[in-house]
Amino acid sequence: QGPLVQSGGASVPAGDSVTIACVSAGGKLTNEAMGWFRQAPGKERDFVAGITWDDGRSYYADSVKGRFTISRDKAKNTVYLEMNSLNPDDTATYFCALSSDPHPLQRLGIMTPLADRWGQGTQVTVSS
């Protein structure tokens, strides 16, 4: 399996939108879970959104429901996070993650930080 390579990220004013992407290099994904975490300075890495690769079902943290959308492109082995109505509390480094076992996400609605692979991180800064 290859690395997770992220792209996107920006510095934007509050209310703006940003989309970040993460491609899984190597073999085609089949039944994994992919998702996004974020980490602000001095804080823990928190789950933001996840998607089960097989059926495309999505899961969100309460703090981003209705504002963020996770999606996947199977042909490109890529997961996206579209972030709308951004506010300064969304400022963080965003990490994509891949877990070979999708069941925790399906059962609990979140991915744990015990992912198999991580992206390199992408900075999103929202100014007030």
N, C-alpha and C. Protein backbone atom coordinates (compact mmCIF):
# COMPACT_ATOMS: atom_id res chain seq x y z
N GLN A 1 0.83 -1.18 0.00
CA GLN A 1 0.00 0.00 0.00
C GLN A 1 0.88 1.24 0.00
N GLY A 2 0.40 2.25 -0.72
CA GLY A 2 1.17 3.47 -0.82
C GLY A 2 0.72 4.51 0.18
N PRO A 3 1.30 5.69 0.12
CA PRO A 3 0.97 6.74 1.08
C PRO A 3 -0.35 7.43 0.76
N LEU A 4 -0.84 8.20 1.72
CA LEU A 4 -1.97 9.10 1.51
C LEU A 4 -1.38 10.48 1.24
N VAL A 5 -1.75 11.05 0.13
CA VAL A 5 -1.20 12.34 -0.27
C VAL A 5 -2.32 13.37 -0.32
N GLN A 6 -2.19 14.42 0.48
CA GLN A 6 -3.22 15.43 0.59
C GLN A 6 -2.91 16.62 -0.31
N SER A 7 -3.97 17.32 -0.67
CA SER A 7 -3.83 18.58 -1.41
C SER A 7 -4.95 19.51 -0.99
N GLY A 8 -4.76 20.78 -1.32
CA GLY A 8 -5.73 21.79 -0.93
C GLY A 8 -5.25 22.52 0.30
N GLY A 9 -6.20 23.10 1.01
CA GLY A 9 -5.82 23.91 2.15
C GLY A 9 -5.70 25.36 1.75
N ALA A 10 -6.05 26.25 2.67
CA ALA A 10 -6.02 27.66 2.33
C ALA A 10 -6.22 28.50 3.58
N SER A 11 -6.01 29.77 3.41
CA SER A 11 -6.36 30.77 4.41
C SER A 11 -7.52 31.58 3.85
N VAL A 12 -8.65 31.56 4.56
CA VAL A 12 -9.85 32.20 4.04
C VAL A 12 -10.55 32.99 5.13
N PRO A 13 -11.39 33.92 4.77
CA PRO A 13 -12.19 34.62 5.77
C PRO A 13 -13.38 33.77 6.21
N ALA A 14 -13.93 34.10 7.37
CA ALA A 14 -15.09 33.37 7.87
C ALA A 14 -16.22 33.44 6.86
N GLY A 15 -16.92 32.31 6.73
CA GLY A 15 -18.03 32.23 5.79
C GLY A 15 -17.66 31.64 4.45
N ASP A 16 -16.37 31.54 4.19
CA ASP A 16 -15.92 31.01 2.91
C ASP A 16 -15.94 29.48 2.91
N SER A 17 -15.59 28.91 1.76
CA SER A 17 -15.56 27.47 1.58
C SER A 17 -14.19 27.02 1.10
N VAL A 18 -13.81 25.82 1.49
CA VAL A 18 -12.56 25.21 1.06
C VAL A 18 -12.81 23.72 0.85
N THR A 19 -12.20 23.17 -0.17
CA THR A 19 -12.24 21.72 -0.39
C THR A 19 -10.83 21.17 -0.37
N ILE A 20 -10.63 20.12 0.40
CA ILE A 20 -9.33 19.46 0.46
C ILE A 20 -9.50 18.04 -0.04
N ALA A 21 -8.41 17.46 -0.53
CA ALA A 21 -8.47 16.14 -1.13
C ALA A 21 -7.35 15.26 -0.61
N CYS A 22 -7.56 13.96 -0.73
CA CYS A 22 -6.56 12.98 -0.28
C CYS A 22 -6.63 11.78 -1.20
N VAL A 23 -5.53 11.46 -1.81
CA VAL A 23 -5.48 10.30 -2.72
C VAL A 23 -4.67 9.20 -2.07
N SER A 24 -5.20 8.00 -2.18
CA SER A 24 -4.49 6.83 -1.68
C SER A 24 -3.69 6.23 -2.82
N ALA A 25 -2.37 6.35 -2.75
CA ALA A 25 -1.51 5.79 -3.78
C ALA A 25 -1.46 4.28 -3.62
N GLY A 26 -1.12 3.57 -4.68
CA GLY A 26 -1.03 2.13 -4.59
C GLY A 26 -2.28 1.46 -5.12
N GLY A 27 -2.65 0.34 -4.55
CA GLY A 27 -3.76 -0.47 -5.04
C GLY A 27 -5.11 0.18 -4.80
N LYS A 28 -6.11 -0.32 -5.53
CA LYS A 28 -7.47 0.17 -5.41
C LYS A 28 -8.04 -0.15 -4.03
N LEU A 29 -8.77 0.81 -3.51
CA LEU A 29 -9.47 0.58 -2.25
C LEU A 29 -10.73 -0.22 -2.51
N THR A 30 -11.11 -1.00 -1.51
CA THR A 30 -12.28 -1.85 -1.69
C THR A 30 -13.29 -1.68 -0.56
N ASN A 31 -12.89 -2.02 0.66
CA ASN A 31 -13.83 -2.04 1.77
C ASN A 31 -13.27 -1.31 2.99
N GLU A 32 -12.44 -0.33 2.75
CA GLU A 32 -11.84 0.42 3.85
C GLU A 32 -12.76 1.56 4.31
N ALA A 33 -12.33 2.22 5.34
CA ALA A 33 -12.95 3.47 5.77
C ALA A 33 -11.89 4.56 5.61
N MET A 34 -12.31 5.66 5.04
CA MET A 34 -11.42 6.81 4.95
C MET A 34 -12.10 7.99 5.64
N GLY A 35 -11.28 8.88 6.14
CA GLY A 35 -11.88 10.00 6.84
C GLY A 35 -10.92 11.14 7.05
N TRP A 36 -11.41 12.13 7.77
CA TRP A 36 -10.65 13.33 8.07
C TRP A 36 -10.66 13.61 9.57
N PHE A 37 -9.50 13.98 10.05
CA PHE A 37 -9.32 14.46 11.42
C PHE A 37 -8.76 15.88 11.32
N ARG A 38 -8.84 16.60 12.42
CA ARG A 38 -8.19 17.90 12.48
C ARG A 38 -7.56 18.11 13.85
N GLN A 39 -6.53 18.91 13.83
CA GLN A 39 -5.79 19.17 15.06
C GLN A 39 -5.40 20.63 15.10
N ALA A 40 -5.90 21.31 16.10
CA ALA A 40 -5.53 22.71 16.33
C ALA A 40 -4.33 22.74 17.28
N PRO A 41 -3.56 23.81 17.27
CA PRO A 41 -2.39 23.90 18.15
C PRO A 41 -2.75 23.67 19.60
N GLY A 42 -2.01 22.77 20.25
CA GLY A 42 -2.23 22.51 21.66
C GLY A 42 -3.43 21.64 21.96
N LYS A 43 -4.09 21.13 20.93
CA LYS A 43 -5.28 20.30 21.13
C LYS A 43 -5.07 18.91 20.54
N GLU A 44 -5.97 18.02 20.91
CA GLU A 44 -5.89 16.65 20.39
C GLU A 44 -6.40 16.59 18.95
N ARG A 45 -6.05 15.49 18.30
CA ARG A 45 -6.53 15.27 16.94
C ARG A 45 -7.95 14.70 17.02
N ASP A 46 -8.89 15.40 16.42
CA ASP A 46 -10.31 15.04 16.54
C ASP A 46 -10.87 14.55 15.21
N PHE A 47 -11.78 13.60 15.31
CA PHE A 47 -12.49 13.10 14.14
C PHE A 47 -13.39 14.19 13.57
N VAL A 48 -13.42 14.30 12.25
CA VAL A 48 -14.27 15.29 11.57
C VAL A 48 -15.34 14.60 10.74
N ALA A 49 -14.91 13.69 9.86
CA ALA A 49 -15.85 13.02 8.97
C ALA A 49 -15.23 11.73 8.47
N GLY A 50 -16.08 10.75 8.16
CA GLY A 50 -15.60 9.48 7.63
C GLY A 50 -16.55 8.94 6.59
N ILE A 51 -16.04 8.06 5.76
CA ILE A 51 -16.86 7.46 4.71
C ILE A 51 -16.43 6.02 4.50
N THR A 52 -17.40 5.14 4.38
CA THR A 52 -17.07 3.75 4.09
C THR A 52 -16.95 3.59 2.59
N TRP A 53 -15.82 3.05 2.18
CA TRP A 53 -15.48 3.07 0.76
C TRP A 53 -16.45 2.28 -0.08
N ASP A 54 -16.91 1.16 0.44
CA ASP A 54 -17.75 0.26 -0.35
C ASP A 54 -19.08 0.89 -0.71
N ASP A 55 -19.81 1.40 0.30
CA ASP A 55 -21.15 1.90 0.03
C ASP A 55 -21.26 3.41 0.07
N GLY A 56 -20.18 4.09 0.44
CA GLY A 56 -20.20 5.55 0.41
C GLY A 56 -20.98 6.21 1.53
N ARG A 57 -21.33 5.46 2.55
CA ARG A 57 -22.07 6.07 3.65
C ARG A 57 -21.14 7.00 4.43
N SER A 58 -21.66 8.16 4.81
CA SER A 58 -20.83 9.17 5.47
C SER A 58 -21.24 9.39 6.91
N TYR A 59 -20.28 9.85 7.70
CA TYR A 59 -20.47 10.08 9.12
C TYR A 59 -19.76 11.38 9.48
N TYR A 60 -20.34 12.15 10.42
CA TYR A 60 -19.80 13.46 10.74
C TYR A 60 -19.77 13.71 12.24
N ALA A 61 -18.78 14.50 12.65
CA ALA A 61 -18.80 15.04 14.00
C ALA A 61 -19.90 16.08 14.09
N ASP A 62 -20.49 16.21 15.25
CA ASP A 62 -21.59 17.15 15.43
C ASP A 62 -21.19 18.58 15.06
N SER A 63 -19.95 18.92 15.30
CA SER A 63 -19.49 20.30 15.09
C SER A 63 -19.48 20.70 13.61
N VAL A 64 -19.52 19.72 12.71
CA VAL A 64 -19.43 20.04 11.29
C VAL A 64 -20.65 19.59 10.49
N LYS A 65 -21.59 18.94 11.14
CA LYS A 65 -22.78 18.46 10.43
C LYS A 65 -23.53 19.61 9.79
N GLY A 66 -23.90 19.41 8.54
CA GLY A 66 -24.62 20.44 7.82
C GLY A 66 -23.72 21.46 7.14
N ARG A 67 -22.43 21.46 7.48
CA ARG A 67 -21.49 22.42 6.87
C ARG A 67 -20.45 21.71 6.02
N PHE A 68 -20.02 20.54 6.45
CA PHE A 68 -18.97 19.80 5.74
C PHE A 68 -19.59 18.60 5.02
N THR A 69 -18.98 18.24 3.91
CA THR A 69 -19.42 17.07 3.15
C THR A 69 -18.21 16.25 2.74
N ILE A 70 -18.23 14.98 3.11
CA ILE A 70 -17.17 14.07 2.69
C ILE A 70 -17.69 13.26 1.50
N SER A 71 -16.82 13.03 0.55
CA SER A 71 -17.19 12.24 -0.62
C SER A 71 -15.98 11.48 -1.12
N ARG A 72 -16.24 10.52 -1.99
CA ARG A 72 -15.12 9.75 -2.53
C ARG A 72 -15.30 9.54 -4.01
N ASP A 73 -14.18 9.41 -4.69
CA ASP A 73 -14.16 9.07 -6.11
C ASP A 73 -13.43 7.75 -6.21
N LYS A 74 -14.17 6.70 -6.44
CA LYS A 74 -13.57 5.37 -6.46
C LYS A 74 -12.54 5.22 -7.57
N ALA A 75 -12.83 5.79 -8.71
CA ALA A 75 -11.92 5.66 -9.85
C ALA A 75 -10.58 6.32 -9.58
N LYS A 76 -10.59 7.36 -8.77
CA LYS A 76 -9.36 8.11 -8.48
C LYS A 76 -8.77 7.76 -7.12
N ASN A 77 -9.41 6.84 -6.40
CA ASN A 77 -8.92 6.48 -5.07
C ASN A 77 -8.76 7.71 -4.19
N THR A 78 -9.70 8.63 -4.30
CA THR A 78 -9.57 9.93 -3.66
C THR A 78 -10.78 10.23 -2.79
N VAL A 79 -10.52 10.81 -1.63
CA VAL A 79 -11.57 11.28 -0.75
C VAL A 79 -11.47 12.80 -0.64
N TYR A 80 -12.61 13.45 -0.58
CA TYR A 80 -12.67 14.91 -0.51
C TYR A 80 -13.38 15.35 0.75
N LEU A 81 -13.05 16.54 1.19
CA LEU A 81 -13.80 17.17 2.27
C LEU A 81 -14.13 18.59 1.82
N GLU A 82 -15.40 18.80 1.57
CA GLU A 82 -15.88 20.13 1.21
C GLU A 82 -16.34 20.82 2.48
N MET A 83 -15.77 21.96 2.76
CA MET A 83 -16.05 22.68 4.00
C MET A 83 -16.69 24.01 3.66
N ASN A 84 -17.91 24.19 4.13
CA ASN A 84 -18.65 25.42 3.88
C ASN A 84 -18.92 26.17 5.18
N SER A 85 -19.28 27.40 5.04
CA SER A 85 -19.60 28.25 6.21
C SER A 85 -18.51 28.13 7.28
N LEU A 86 -17.28 28.26 6.85
CA LEU A 86 -16.17 28.11 7.77
C LEU A 86 -16.16 29.23 8.81
N ASN A 87 -15.72 28.89 10.00
CA ASN A 87 -15.55 29.88 11.07
C ASN A 87 -14.18 29.67 11.70
N PRO A 88 -13.73 30.63 12.49
CA PRO A 88 -12.37 30.53 13.06
C PRO A 88 -12.13 29.25 13.86
N ASP A 89 -13.18 28.67 14.44
CA ASP A 89 -13.01 27.42 15.19
C ASP A 89 -12.63 26.25 14.30
N ASP A 90 -12.79 26.40 12.99
CA ASP A 90 -12.40 25.34 12.06
C ASP A 90 -10.92 25.39 11.70
N THR A 91 -10.23 26.41 12.18
CA THR A 91 -8.80 26.53 11.91
C THR A 91 -8.04 25.37 12.53
N ALA A 92 -7.30 24.65 11.71
CA ALA A 92 -6.57 23.47 12.18
C ALA A 92 -5.76 22.89 11.04
N THR A 93 -4.92 21.93 11.40
CA THR A 93 -4.30 21.08 10.38
C THR A 93 -5.20 19.88 10.19
N TYR A 94 -5.58 19.64 8.96
CA TYR A 94 -6.48 18.55 8.63
C TYR A 94 -5.68 17.36 8.09
N PHE A 95 -5.99 16.19 8.64
CA PHE A 95 -5.30 14.97 8.25
C PHE A 95 -6.30 13.97 7.69
N CYS A 96 -6.00 13.36 6.57
CA CYS A 96 -6.83 12.26 6.12
C CYS A 96 -6.28 10.97 6.71
N ALA A 97 -7.16 9.99 6.84
CA ALA A 97 -6.80 8.73 7.49
C ALA A 97 -7.50 7.59 6.77
N LEU A 98 -6.85 6.45 6.80
CA LEU A 98 -7.41 5.24 6.21
C LEU A 98 -7.36 4.12 7.24
N SER A 99 -8.49 3.46 7.41
CA SER A 99 -8.55 2.28 8.27
C SER A 99 -8.99 1.09 7.45
N SER A 100 -8.25 0.01 7.55
CA SER A 100 -8.58 -1.18 6.78
C SER A 100 -9.88 -1.82 7.25
N ASP A 101 -10.25 -1.58 8.51
CA ASP A 101 -11.46 -2.14 9.08
C ASP A 101 -12.52 -1.03 9.18
N PRO A 102 -13.59 -1.11 8.40
CA PRO A 102 -14.60 -0.05 8.43
C PRO A 102 -15.61 -0.20 9.57
N HIS A 103 -15.57 -1.32 10.28
CA HIS A 103 -16.62 -1.61 11.25
C HIS A 103 -16.70 -0.62 12.40
N PRO A 104 -15.59 -0.12 12.96
CA PRO A 104 -15.74 0.89 14.01
C PRO A 104 -16.50 2.12 13.53
N LEU A 105 -16.24 2.55 12.32
CA LEU A 105 -16.96 3.70 11.79
C LEU A 105 -18.43 3.36 11.62
N GLN A 106 -18.72 2.18 11.14
CA GLN A 106 -20.11 1.78 10.92
C GLN A 106 -20.85 1.61 12.24
N ARG A 107 -20.15 1.10 13.26
CA ARG A 107 -20.82 0.85 14.53
C ARG A 107 -20.93 2.10 15.39
N LEU A 108 -19.85 2.87 15.42
CA LEU A 108 -19.75 3.99 16.36
C LEU A 108 -20.01 5.35 15.71
N GLY A 109 -19.93 5.40 14.39
CA GLY A 109 -20.12 6.68 13.71
C GLY A 109 -18.91 7.57 13.72
N ILE A 110 -17.79 7.06 14.22
CA ILE A 110 -16.55 7.82 14.20
C ILE A 110 -15.41 6.87 13.85
N MET A 111 -14.33 7.44 13.36
CA MET A 111 -13.08 6.71 13.22
C MET A 111 -12.24 6.99 14.45
N THR A 112 -11.56 5.97 14.92
CA THR A 112 -10.65 6.19 16.04
C THR A 112 -9.31 6.68 15.49
N PRO A 113 -8.48 7.28 16.34
CA PRO A 113 -7.15 7.72 15.87
C PRO A 113 -6.21 6.58 15.53
N LEU A 114 -6.66 5.32 15.66
CA LEU A 114 -5.79 4.19 15.38
C LEU A 114 -5.88 3.80 13.91
N ALA A 115 -5.73 4.78 13.03
CA ALA A 115 -5.81 4.52 11.60
C ALA A 115 -4.55 3.79 11.12
N ASP A 116 -4.70 3.10 10.00
CA ASP A 116 -3.57 2.38 9.43
C ASP A 116 -2.61 3.31 8.70
N ARG A 117 -3.15 4.32 8.06
CA ARG A 117 -2.31 5.27 7.33
C ARG A 117 -2.83 6.68 7.53
N TRP A 118 -1.92 7.63 7.47
CA TRP A 118 -2.25 9.05 7.63
C TRP A 118 -1.65 9.86 6.49
N GLY A 119 -2.38 10.91 6.13
CA GLY A 119 -1.82 11.88 5.20
C GLY A 119 -0.85 12.80 5.91
N GLN A 120 -0.23 13.68 5.14
CA GLN A 120 0.82 14.54 5.69
C GLN A 120 0.28 15.76 6.40
N GLY A 121 -0.99 16.04 6.25
CA GLY A 121 -1.59 17.21 6.90
C GLY A 121 -1.71 18.39 5.95
N THR A 122 -2.80 19.12 6.11
CA THR A 122 -3.07 20.30 5.29
C THR A 122 -3.61 21.40 6.19
N GLN A 123 -3.06 22.58 6.08
CA GLN A 123 -3.47 23.67 6.95
C GLN A 123 -4.68 24.40 6.37
N VAL A 124 -5.68 24.61 7.22
CA VAL A 124 -6.83 25.45 6.88
C VAL A 124 -6.93 26.50 7.96
N THR A 125 -6.86 27.75 7.55
CA THR A 125 -6.92 28.86 8.48
C THR A 125 -8.10 29.75 8.13
N VAL A 126 -8.94 30.01 9.12
CA VAL A 126 -10.13 30.83 8.91
C VAL A 126 -10.01 32.08 9.78
N SER A 127 -10.05 33.21 9.16
CA SER A 127 -9.93 34.47 9.89
C SER A 127 -11.31 35.07 10.13
N SER A 128 -11.42 35.79 11.23
CA SER A 128 -12.72 36.40 11.59
C SER A 128 -12.87 37.76 10.93
